[in-house]
PDB file of all heavy atoms in Angstrom:
ATOM      1  N   VAL A   1      91.488 123.656  26.214  1.00  0.00           N
ATOM      2  CA  VAL A   1      92.641 124.420  26.452  1.00  0.00           C
ATOM      3  C   VAL A   1      93.432 123.780  27.611  1.00  0.00           C
ATOM      4  O   VAL A   1      94.653 123.705  27.721  1.00  0.00           O
ATOM      5  CB  VAL A   1      92.440 125.909  26.672  1.00  0.00           C
ATOM      6  CG1 VAL A   1      93.703 126.543  26.830  1.00  0.00           C
ATOM      7  CG2 VAL A   1      91.830 126.434  25.371  1.00  0.00           C
ATOM      8  N   ILE A   2      92.640 123.497  28.668  1.00  0.00           N
ATOM      9  CA  ILE A   2      93.222 123.152  30.021  1.00  0.00           C
ATOM     10  C   ILE A   2      93.351 121.601  30.020  1.00  0.00           C
ATOM     11  O   ILE A   2      92.371 120.885  29.876  1.00  0.00           O
ATOM     12  CB  ILE A   2      92.394 123.711  31.057  1.00  0.00           C
ATOM     13  CG1 ILE A   2      92.244 125.203  30.961  1.00  0.00           C
ATOM     14  CG2 ILE A   2      92.977 123.430  32.432  1.00  0.00           C
ATOM     15  CD1 ILE A   2      93.652 125.995  31.095  1.00  0.00           C
ATOM     16  N   ASN A   3      94.513 121.120  30.663  1.00  0.00           N
ATOM     17  CA  ASN A   3      94.621 119.774  31.005  1.00  0.00           C
ATOM     18  C   ASN A   3      93.884 119.574  32.416  1.00  0.00           C
ATOM     19  O   ASN A   3      94.357 119.884  33.456  1.00  0.00           O
ATOM     20  CB  ASN A   3      96.054 119.408  31.138  1.00  0.00           C
ATOM     21  CG  ASN A   3      96.408 118.009  31.556  1.00  0.00           C
ATOM     22  OD1 ASN A   3      95.609 117.261  32.166  1.00  0.00           O
ATOM     23  ND2 ASN A   3      97.490 117.500  31.039  1.00  0.00           N
ATOM     24  N   SER A   4      92.698 118.869  32.225  1.00  0.00           N
ATOM     25  CA  SER A   4      91.899 118.784  33.476  1.00  0.00           C
ATOM     26  C   SER A   4      92.546 117.883  34.625  1.00  0.00           C
ATOM     27  O   SER A   4      92.341 118.148  35.847  1.00  0.00           O
ATOM     28  CB  SER A   4      90.579 118.228  33.048  1.00  0.00           C
ATOM     29  OG  SER A   4      90.714 116.954  32.531  1.00  0.00           O
ATOM     30  N   LYS A   5      93.397 117.038  34.259  1.00  0.00           N
ATOM     31  CA  LYS A   5      94.128 116.132  35.232  1.00  0.00           C
ATOM     32  C   LYS A   5      95.074 117.092  36.041  1.00  0.00           C
ATOM     33  O   LYS A   5      95.119 117.025  37.242  1.00  0.00           O
ATOM     34  CB  LYS A   5      94.953 115.164  34.439  1.00  0.00           C
ATOM     35  CG  LYS A   5      95.560 114.200  35.520  1.00  0.00           C
ATOM     36  CD  LYS A   5      96.746 113.248  34.757  1.00  0.00           C
ATOM     37  CE  LYS A   5      96.075 112.047  34.169  1.00  0.00           C
ATOM     38  NZ  LYS A   5      97.149 111.112  33.693  1.00  0.00           N
ATOM     39  N   ILE A   6      95.759 118.003  35.351  1.00  0.00           N
ATOM     40  CA  ILE A   6      96.774 118.910  36.148  1.00  0.00           C
ATOM     41  C   ILE A   6      95.856 119.989  36.850  1.00  0.00           C
ATOM     42  O   ILE A   6      96.246 120.249  38.092  1.00  0.00           O
ATOM     43  CB  ILE A   6      97.692 119.609  35.075  1.00  0.00           C
ATOM     44  CG1 ILE A   6      98.485 118.640  34.362  1.00  0.00           C
ATOM     45  CG2 ILE A   6      98.453 120.815  35.817  1.00  0.00           C
ATOM     46  CD1 ILE A   6      99.524 117.910  35.222  1.00  0.00           C
ATOM     47  N   LEU A   7      94.729 120.395  36.222  1.00  0.00           N
ATOM     48  CA  LEU A   7      93.895 121.370  36.896  1.00  0.00           C
ATOM     49  C   LEU A   7      93.425 120.793  38.191  1.00  0.00           C
ATOM     50  O   LEU A   7      93.496 121.462  39.260  1.00  0.00           O
ATOM     51  CB  LEU A   7      92.733 121.737  36.071  1.00  0.00           C
ATOM     52  CG  LEU A   7      91.614 122.615  36.596  1.00  0.00           C
ATOM     53  CD1 LEU A   7      92.250 124.019  36.874  1.00  0.00           C
ATOM     54  CD2 LEU A   7      90.411 122.612  35.698  1.00  0.00           C
ATOM     55  N   ASN A   8      92.830 119.541  38.268  1.00  0.00           N
ATOM     56  CA  ASN A   8      92.476 119.002  39.453  1.00  0.00           C
ATOM     57  C   ASN A   8      93.491 118.609  40.525  1.00  0.00           C
ATOM     58  O   ASN A   8      93.250 118.667  41.664  1.00  0.00           O
ATOM     59  CB  ASN A   8      91.655 117.703  39.099  1.00  0.00           C
ATOM     60  CG  ASN A   8      90.350 117.984  38.309  1.00  0.00           C
ATOM     61  OD1 ASN A   8      89.747 119.078  38.426  1.00  0.00           O
ATOM     62  ND2 ASN A   8      89.908 117.112  37.476  1.00  0.00           N
ATOM     63  N   LYS A   9      94.697 118.271  40.053  1.00  0.00           N
ATOM     64  CA  LYS A   9      95.810 117.903  40.904  1.00  0.00           C
ATOM     65  C   LYS A   9      96.504 119.074  41.545  1.00  0.00           C
ATOM     66  O   LYS A   9      96.715 119.203  42.670  1.00  0.00           O
ATOM     67  CB  LYS A   9      96.793 117.163  40.116  1.00  0.00           C
ATOM     68  CG  LYS A   9      97.946 116.633  41.016  1.00  0.00           C
ATOM     69  CD  LYS A   9      98.952 115.780  40.100  1.00  0.00           C
ATOM     70  CE  LYS A   9     100.097 115.474  40.966  1.00  0.00           C
ATOM     71  NZ  LYS A   9     101.316 116.041  40.349  1.00  0.00           N
ATOM     72  N   ASP A  10      96.751 120.238  40.679  1.00  0.00           N
ATOM     73  CA  ASP A  10      97.679 121.302  41.070  1.00  0.00           C
ATOM     74  C   ASP A  10      96.956 122.556  41.005  1.00  0.00           C
ATOM     75  O   ASP A  10      97.577 123.517  41.531  1.00  0.00           O
ATOM     76  CB  ASP A  10      98.982 121.240  40.184  1.00  0.00           C
ATOM     77  CG  ASP A  10      99.708 120.018  40.356  1.00  0.00           C
ATOM     78  OD1 ASP A  10      99.830 119.474  41.388  1.00  0.00           O
ATOM     79  OD2 ASP A  10     100.408 119.605  39.308  1.00  0.00           O
ATOM     80  N   GLY A  11      95.833 122.719  40.434  1.00  0.00           N
ATOM     81  CA  GLY A  11      95.168 123.964  40.408  1.00  0.00           C
ATOM     82  C   GLY A  11      95.210 124.664  39.101  1.00  0.00           C
ATOM     83  O   GLY A  11      95.917 124.010  38.126  1.00  0.00           O
ATOM     84  N   GLY A  12      94.582 125.712  38.984  1.00  0.00           N
ATOM     85  CA  GLY A  12      94.506 126.359  37.721  1.00  0.00           C
ATOM     86  C   GLY A  12      95.495 127.417  37.322  1.00  0.00           C
ATOM     87  O   GLY A  12      96.656 127.357  38.098  1.00  0.00           O
ATOM     88  N   PHE A  13      95.333 128.401  36.551  1.00  0.00           N
ATOM     89  CA  PHE A  13      96.267 129.456  36.245  1.00  0.00           C
ATOM     90  C   PHE A  13      96.650 130.224  37.569  1.00  0.00           C
ATOM     91  O   PHE A  13      97.773 130.535  37.640  1.00  0.00           O
ATOM     92  CB  PHE A  13      95.740 130.479  35.323  1.00  0.00           C
ATOM     93  CG  PHE A  13      95.632 129.906  33.893  1.00  0.00           C
ATOM     94  CD1 PHE A  13      94.407 129.637  33.377  1.00  0.00           C
ATOM     95  CD2 PHE A  13      96.770 129.850  33.146  1.00  0.00           C
ATOM     96  CE1 PHE A  13      94.348 129.066  32.051  1.00  0.00           C
ATOM     97  CE2 PHE A  13      96.670 129.249  31.851  1.00  0.00           C
ATOM     98  CZ  PHE A  13      95.398 128.885  31.302  1.00  0.00           C
ATOM     99  N   LEU A  14      95.743 130.420  38.496  1.00  0.00           N
ATOM    100  CA  LEU A  14      96.068 131.161  39.711  1.00  0.00           C
ATOM    101  C   LEU A  14      96.057 130.258  40.753  1.00  0.00           C
ATOM    102  O   LEU A  14      94.895 129.851  41.300  1.00  0.00           O
ATOM    103  CB  LEU A  14      95.061 132.328  39.858  1.00  0.00           C
ATOM    104  CG  LEU A  14      94.952 133.353  38.669  1.00  0.00           C
ATOM    105  CD1 LEU A  14      93.729 134.204  38.722  1.00  0.00           C
ATOM    106  CD2 LEU A  14      96.248 134.140  38.556  1.00  0.00           C
ATOM    107  N   ARG A  15      97.109 129.805  41.324  1.00  0.00           N
ATOM    108  CA  ARG A  15      97.162 128.659  42.221  1.00  0.00           C
ATOM    109  C   ARG A  15      97.125 129.279  43.683  1.00  0.00           C
ATOM    110  O   ARG A  15      96.268 128.906  44.440  1.00  0.00           O
ATOM    111  CB  ARG A  15      98.427 127.822  42.048  1.00  0.00           C
ATOM    112  CG  ARG A  15      98.360 127.055  40.762  1.00  0.00           C
ATOM    113  CD  ARG A  15      99.628 126.259  40.490  1.00  0.00           C
ATOM    114  NE  ARG A  15     100.778 127.142  40.567  1.00  0.00           N
ATOM    115  CZ  ARG A  15     101.817 127.098  41.498  1.00  0.00           C
ATOM    116  NH1 ARG A  15     101.720 126.135  42.468  1.00  0.00           N
ATOM    117  NH2 ARG A  15     102.766 127.887  41.398  1.00  0.00           N
ATOM    118  N   LYS A  16      98.141 130.108  44.062  1.00  0.00           N
ATOM    119  CA  LYS A  16      98.262 130.524  45.504  1.00  0.00           C
ATOM    120  C   LYS A  16      98.443 131.994  45.615  1.00  0.00           C
ATOM    121  O   LYS A  16      98.005 132.639  46.610  1.00  0.00           O
ATOM    122  CB  LYS A  16      99.437 129.855  46.153  1.00  0.00           C
ATOM    123  CG  LYS A  16      99.300 128.436  46.439  1.00  0.00           C
ATOM    124  CD  LYS A  16     100.524 127.895  47.276  1.00  0.00           C
ATOM    125  CE  LYS A  16     100.439 126.461  47.554  1.00  0.00           C
ATOM    126  NZ  LYS A  16     101.591 126.040  48.321  1.00  0.00           N
ATOM    127  N   GLY A  17      99.170 132.670  44.687  1.00  0.00           N
ATOM    128  CA  GLY A  17      99.424 134.081  44.853  1.00  0.00           C
ATOM    129  C   GLY A  17     100.427 134.393  45.918  1.00  0.00           C
ATOM    130  O   GLY A  17     100.314 135.431  46.582  1.00  0.00           O
ATOM    131  N   VAL A  18     101.345 133.455  46.139  1.00  0.00           N
ATOM    132  CA  VAL A  18     102.405 133.652  47.282  1.00  0.00           C
ATOM    133  C   VAL A  18     103.738 133.716  46.606  1.00  0.00           C
ATOM    134  O   VAL A  18     104.246 132.853  45.859  1.00  0.00           O
ATOM    135  CB  VAL A  18     102.270 132.439  48.186  1.00  0.00           C
ATOM    136  CG1 VAL A  18     103.351 132.396  49.197  1.00  0.00           C
ATOM    137  CG2 VAL A  18     100.840 132.220  48.731  1.00  0.00           C
ATOM    138  N   THR A  19     104.401 134.862  47.108  1.00  0.00           N
ATOM    139  CA  THR A  19     105.868 134.999  46.706  1.00  0.00           C
ATOM    140  C   THR A  19     106.791 134.060  47.498  1.00  0.00           C
ATOM    141  O   THR A  19     106.462 133.904  48.724  1.00  0.00           O
ATOM    142  CB  THR A  19     106.238 136.359  46.818  1.00  0.00           C
ATOM    143  OG1 THR A  19     105.442 137.225  46.113  1.00  0.00           O
ATOM    144  CG2 THR A  19     107.712 136.652  46.488  1.00  0.00           C
ATOM    145  N   GLY A  20     107.829 133.368  46.933  1.00  0.00           N
ATOM    146  CA  GLY A  20     108.599 132.504  47.581  1.00  0.00           C
ATOM    147  C   GLY A  20     108.179 131.160  47.709  1.00  0.00           C
ATOM    148  O   GLY A  20     108.914 130.333  48.398  1.00  0.00           O
ATOM    149  N   ASP A  21     107.095 130.773  47.059  1.00  0.00           N
ATOM    150  CA  ASP A  21     106.696 129.350  47.176  1.00  0.00           C
ATOM    151  C   ASP A  21     107.588 128.409  46.445  1.00  0.00           C
ATOM    152  O   ASP A  21     107.493 127.167  46.567  1.00  0.00           O
ATOM    153  CB  ASP A  21     105.171 129.253  46.594  1.00  0.00           C
ATOM    154  CG  ASP A  21     104.544 127.988  46.895  1.00  0.00           C
ATOM    155  OD1 ASP A  21     104.637 127.450  48.165  1.00  0.00           O
ATOM    156  OD2 ASP A  21     103.860 127.347  46.057  1.00  0.00           O
ATOM    157  N   TYR A  22     108.387 129.013  45.625  1.00  0.00           N
ATOM    158  CA  TYR A  22     109.481 128.013  45.020  1.00  0.00           C
ATOM    159  C   TYR A  22     110.162 127.175  46.067  1.00  0.00           C
ATOM    160  O   TYR A  22     110.643 126.029  45.704  1.00  0.00           O
ATOM    161  CB  TYR A  22     110.535 128.887  44.246  1.00  0.00           C
ATOM    162  CG  TYR A  22     111.453 129.539  45.005  1.00  0.00           C
ATOM    163  CD1 TYR A  22     112.558 128.971  45.534  1.00  0.00           C
ATOM    164  CD2 TYR A  22     111.224 130.963  45.284  1.00  0.00           C
ATOM    165  CE1 TYR A  22     113.504 129.769  46.289  1.00  0.00           C
ATOM    166  CE2 TYR A  22     112.002 131.712  46.166  1.00  0.00           C
ATOM    167  CZ  TYR A  22     113.313 131.118  46.600  1.00  0.00           C
ATOM    168  OH  TYR A  22     114.084 131.893  47.337  1.00  0.00           O
ATOM    169  N   LYS A  23     110.300 127.685  47.230  1.00  0.00           N
ATOM    170  CA  LYS A  23     111.013 126.909  48.339  1.00  0.00           C
ATOM    171  C   LYS A  23     110.339 125.580  48.630  1.00  0.00           C
ATOM    172  O   LYS A  23     110.916 124.515  49.158  1.00  0.00           O
ATOM    173  CB  LYS A  23     111.095 127.713  49.617  1.00  0.00           C
ATOM    174  CG  LYS A  23     111.967 128.921  49.531  1.00  0.00           C
ATOM    175  CD  LYS A  23     111.842 129.846  50.635  1.00  0.00           C
ATOM    176  CE  LYS A  23     112.444 131.187  50.383  1.00  0.00           C
ATOM    177  NZ  LYS A  23     111.965 132.160  51.367  1.00  0.00           N
ATOM    178  N   ASN A  24     109.026 125.503  48.387  1.00  0.00           N
ATOM    179  CA  ASN A  24     108.189 124.260  48.590  1.00  0.00           C
ATOM    180  C   ASN A  24     108.180 123.458  47.298  1.00  0.00           C
ATOM    181  O   ASN A  24     107.636 122.403  47.338  1.00  0.00           O
ATOM    182  CB  ASN A  24     106.800 124.684  48.966  1.00  0.00           C
ATOM    183  CG  ASN A  24     106.841 125.462  50.281  1.00  0.00           C
ATOM    184  OD1 ASN A  24     107.531 125.148  51.218  1.00  0.00           O
ATOM    185  ND2 ASN A  24     106.080 126.508  50.360  1.00  0.00           N
ATOM    186  N   LYS A  25     108.627 123.976  46.212  1.00  0.00           N
ATOM    187  CA  LYS A  25     108.351 123.261  44.974  1.00  0.00           C
ATOM    188  C   LYS A  25     109.653 122.807  44.329  1.00  0.00           C
ATOM    189  O   LYS A  25     109.736 121.928  43.415  1.00  0.00           O
ATOM    190  CB  LYS A  25     107.635 124.214  43.927  1.00  0.00           C
ATOM    191  CG  LYS A  25     106.268 124.593  44.377  1.00  0.00           C
ATOM    192  CD  LYS A  25     105.287 123.495  44.418  1.00  0.00           C
ATOM    193  CE  LYS A  25     103.851 123.913  44.819  1.00  0.00           C
ATOM    194  NZ  LYS A  25     102.878 122.924  44.764  1.00  0.00           N
ATOM    195  N   LEU A  26     110.739 123.524  44.497  1.00  0.00           N
ATOM    196  CA  LEU A  26     111.995 123.246  43.878  1.00  0.00           C
ATOM    197  C   LEU A  26     113.002 122.540  44.798  1.00  0.00           C
ATOM    198  O   LEU A  26     112.960 122.777  46.004  1.00  0.00           O
ATOM    199  CB  LEU A  26     112.773 124.447  43.320  1.00  0.00           C
ATOM    200  CG  LEU A  26     112.029 125.403  42.270  1.00  0.00           C
ATOM    201  CD1 LEU A  26     112.726 126.649  42.066  1.00  0.00           C
ATOM    202  CD2 LEU A  26     111.715 124.545  40.963  1.00  0.00           C
ATOM    203  N   SER A  27     113.773 121.712  44.218  1.00  0.00           N
ATOM    204  CA  SER A  27     114.879 121.025  45.000  1.00  0.00           C
ATOM    205  C   SER A  27     116.032 122.049  45.404  1.00  0.00           C
ATOM    206  O   SER A  27     116.044 123.021  44.603  1.00  0.00           O
ATOM    207  CB  SER A  27     115.483 119.830  44.257  1.00  0.00           C
ATOM    208  OG  SER A  27     116.124 120.315  43.087  1.00  0.00           O
TER     209      SER A  27
END
C-alpha cells in the first residue's frame, strides 16, 4: 500500500502533528 521511497524520505501517515507547517512546505 505504501510507497517506501516516500515513507523513508518524508515519513508515514503521521509526520509531525504540527499546525501551520504549511509555511515550511508551500511557496
